[in-house]
């Protein structure tokens, strides 16, 4: 996966608006490809170099167990 592919997956899923409005209760509710994209951005540190929203969501997903620390 490349940074562009990861960001595209997230944006295709609706970006911050879709995530904020979702009714996902746990990690199993998020599509695998979406979780993989967030995990990639977190692992590479790219999430923390992009707009603040990416870093905040990555941190929240780690805290909720949606992606690994």
C-alpha atoms as a PDB file:
ATOM      1  CA  UNK A   1       0.000   0.000   0.000  1.00  0.00           C
ATOM      2  CA  UNK A   2       1.202   3.503  -0.739  1.00  0.00           C
ATOM      3  CA  UNK A   3       0.299   6.674   1.171  1.00  0.00           C
ATOM      4  CA  UNK A   4      -1.859   7.800  -1.746  1.00  0.00           C
ATOM      5  CA  UNK A   5      -3.736   4.474  -1.822  1.00  0.00           C
ATOM      6  CA  UNK A   6      -4.355   4.614   1.932  1.00  0.00           C
ATOM      7  CA  UNK A   7      -5.669   8.164   1.791  1.00  0.00           C
ATOM      8  CA  UNK A   8      -7.844   7.303  -1.212  1.00  0.00           C
ATOM      9  CA  UNK A   9      -9.431   4.380   0.664  1.00  0.00           C
ATOM     10  CA  UNK A  10     -10.263   6.670   3.578  1.00  0.00           C
ATOM     11  CA  UNK A  11     -11.574   9.441   1.336  1.00  0.00           C
ATOM     12  CA  UNK A  12     -13.624   6.970  -0.732  1.00  0.00           C
ATOM     13  CA  UNK A  13     -15.265   5.851   2.503  1.00  0.00           C
ATOM     14  CA  UNK A  14     -16.374   9.440   3.082  1.00  0.00           C
ATOM     15  CA  UNK A  15     -13.444  10.877   5.027  1.00  0.00           C
ATOM     16  CA  UNK A  16     -14.084  12.637   8.328  1.00  0.00           C
ATOM     17  CA  UNK A  17     -17.779  13.224   7.755  1.00  0.00           C
ATOM     18  CA  UNK A  18     -18.627   9.573   7.199  1.00  0.00           C
ATOM     19  CA  UNK A  19     -16.478   8.456  10.103  1.00  0.00           C
ATOM     20  CA  UNK A  20     -18.087  10.943  12.500  1.00  0.00           C
ATOM     21  CA  UNK A  21     -21.582   9.837  11.508  1.00  0.00           C
ATOM     22  CA  UNK A  22     -20.979   6.088  11.600  1.00  0.00           C
ATOM     23  CA  UNK A  23     -22.652   3.732  14.052  1.00  0.00           C
ATOM     24  CA  UNK A  24     -19.691   1.353  14.290  1.00  0.00           C
ATOM     25  CA  UNK A  25     -19.526  -0.263  17.702  1.00  0.00           C
ATOM     26  CA  UNK A  26     -16.167  -1.982  17.468  1.00  0.00           C
ATOM     27  CA  UNK A  27     -13.245  -2.967  15.265  1.00  0.00           C
ATOM     28  CA  UNK A  28     -15.207  -5.716  13.547  1.00  0.00           C
ATOM     29  CA  UNK A  29     -17.650  -3.125  12.168  1.00  0.00           C
ATOM     30  CA  UNK A  30     -14.972  -1.349  10.127  1.00  0.00           C
ATOM     31  CA  UNK A  31     -14.147  -2.835   6.708  1.00  0.00           C
ATOM     32  CA  UNK A  32     -10.762  -4.576   6.682  1.00  0.00           C
ATOM     33  CA  UNK A  33      -9.411  -2.383   3.889  1.00  0.00           C
ATOM     34  CA  UNK A  34     -10.357   0.758   5.861  1.00  0.00           C
ATOM     35  CA  UNK A  35      -8.612  -0.537   9.000  1.00  0.00           C
ATOM     36  CA  UNK A  36      -5.569  -1.539   6.944  1.00  0.00           C
ATOM     37  CA  UNK A  37      -5.359   1.962   5.481  1.00  0.00           C
ATOM     38  CA  UNK A  38      -5.468   3.543   8.943  1.00  0.00           C
ATOM     39  CA  UNK A  39      -2.958   1.018  10.286  1.00  0.00           C
ATOM     40  CA  UNK A  40      -0.586   1.834   7.433  1.00  0.00           C
ATOM     41  CA  UNK A  41      -0.879   5.594   7.991  1.00  0.00           C
ATOM     42  CA  UNK A  42      -0.328   5.106  11.728  1.00  0.00           C
ATOM     43  CA  UNK A  43       2.611   2.676  11.382  1.00  0.00           C
ATOM     44  CA  UNK A  44       4.440   4.895   8.904  1.00  0.00           C
ATOM     45  CA  UNK A  45       3.725   8.081  10.854  1.00  0.00           C
ATOM     46  CA  UNK A  46       2.068   9.626   7.823  1.00  0.00           C
ATOM     47  CA  UNK A  47      -1.182  10.116   9.755  1.00  0.00           C
ATOM     48  CA  UNK A  48       0.665  12.574  11.976  1.00  0.00           C
ATOM     49  CA  UNK A  49       2.160  14.521   9.080  1.00  0.00           C
ATOM     50  CA  UNK A  50      -1.186  15.153   7.362  1.00  0.00           C
ATOM     51  CA  UNK A  51      -4.014  17.443   8.483  1.00  0.00           C
ATOM     52  CA  UNK A  52      -4.710  17.163  12.196  1.00  0.00           C
ATOM     53  CA  UNK A  53      -7.849  15.105  11.648  1.00  0.00           C
ATOM     54  CA  UNK A  54      -5.829  12.112  10.441  1.00  0.00           C
ATOM     55  CA  UNK A  55      -3.627  12.046  13.532  1.00  0.00           C
ATOM     56  CA  UNK A  56      -6.552  12.521  15.897  1.00  0.00           C
ATOM     57  CA  UNK A  57      -8.549   9.707  14.301  1.00  0.00           C
ATOM     58  CA  UNK A  58      -5.510   7.408  14.227  1.00  0.00           C
ATOM     59  CA  UNK A  59      -4.965   8.037  17.950  1.00  0.00           C
ATOM     60  CA  UNK A  60      -8.627   7.426  18.682  1.00  0.00           C
ATOM     61  CA  UNK A  61      -8.622   4.205  16.637  1.00  0.00           C
ATOM     62  CA  UNK A  62      -5.588   2.987  18.602  1.00  0.00           C
ATOM     63  CA  UNK A  63      -7.350   3.826  21.866  1.00  0.00           C
ATOM     64  CA  UNK A  64     -10.492   1.974  20.796  1.00  0.00           C
ATOM     65  CA  UNK A  65      -8.584  -1.065  19.545  1.00  0.00           C
ATOM     66  CA  UNK A  66      -9.613  -0.537  15.931  1.00  0.00           C
ATOM     67  CA  UNK A  67      -5.951  -0.459  14.886  1.00  0.00           C
ATOM     68  CA  UNK A  68      -2.848  -1.678  16.719  1.00  0.00           C
ATOM     69  CA  UNK A  69      -0.518   0.695  18.573  1.00  0.00           C
END
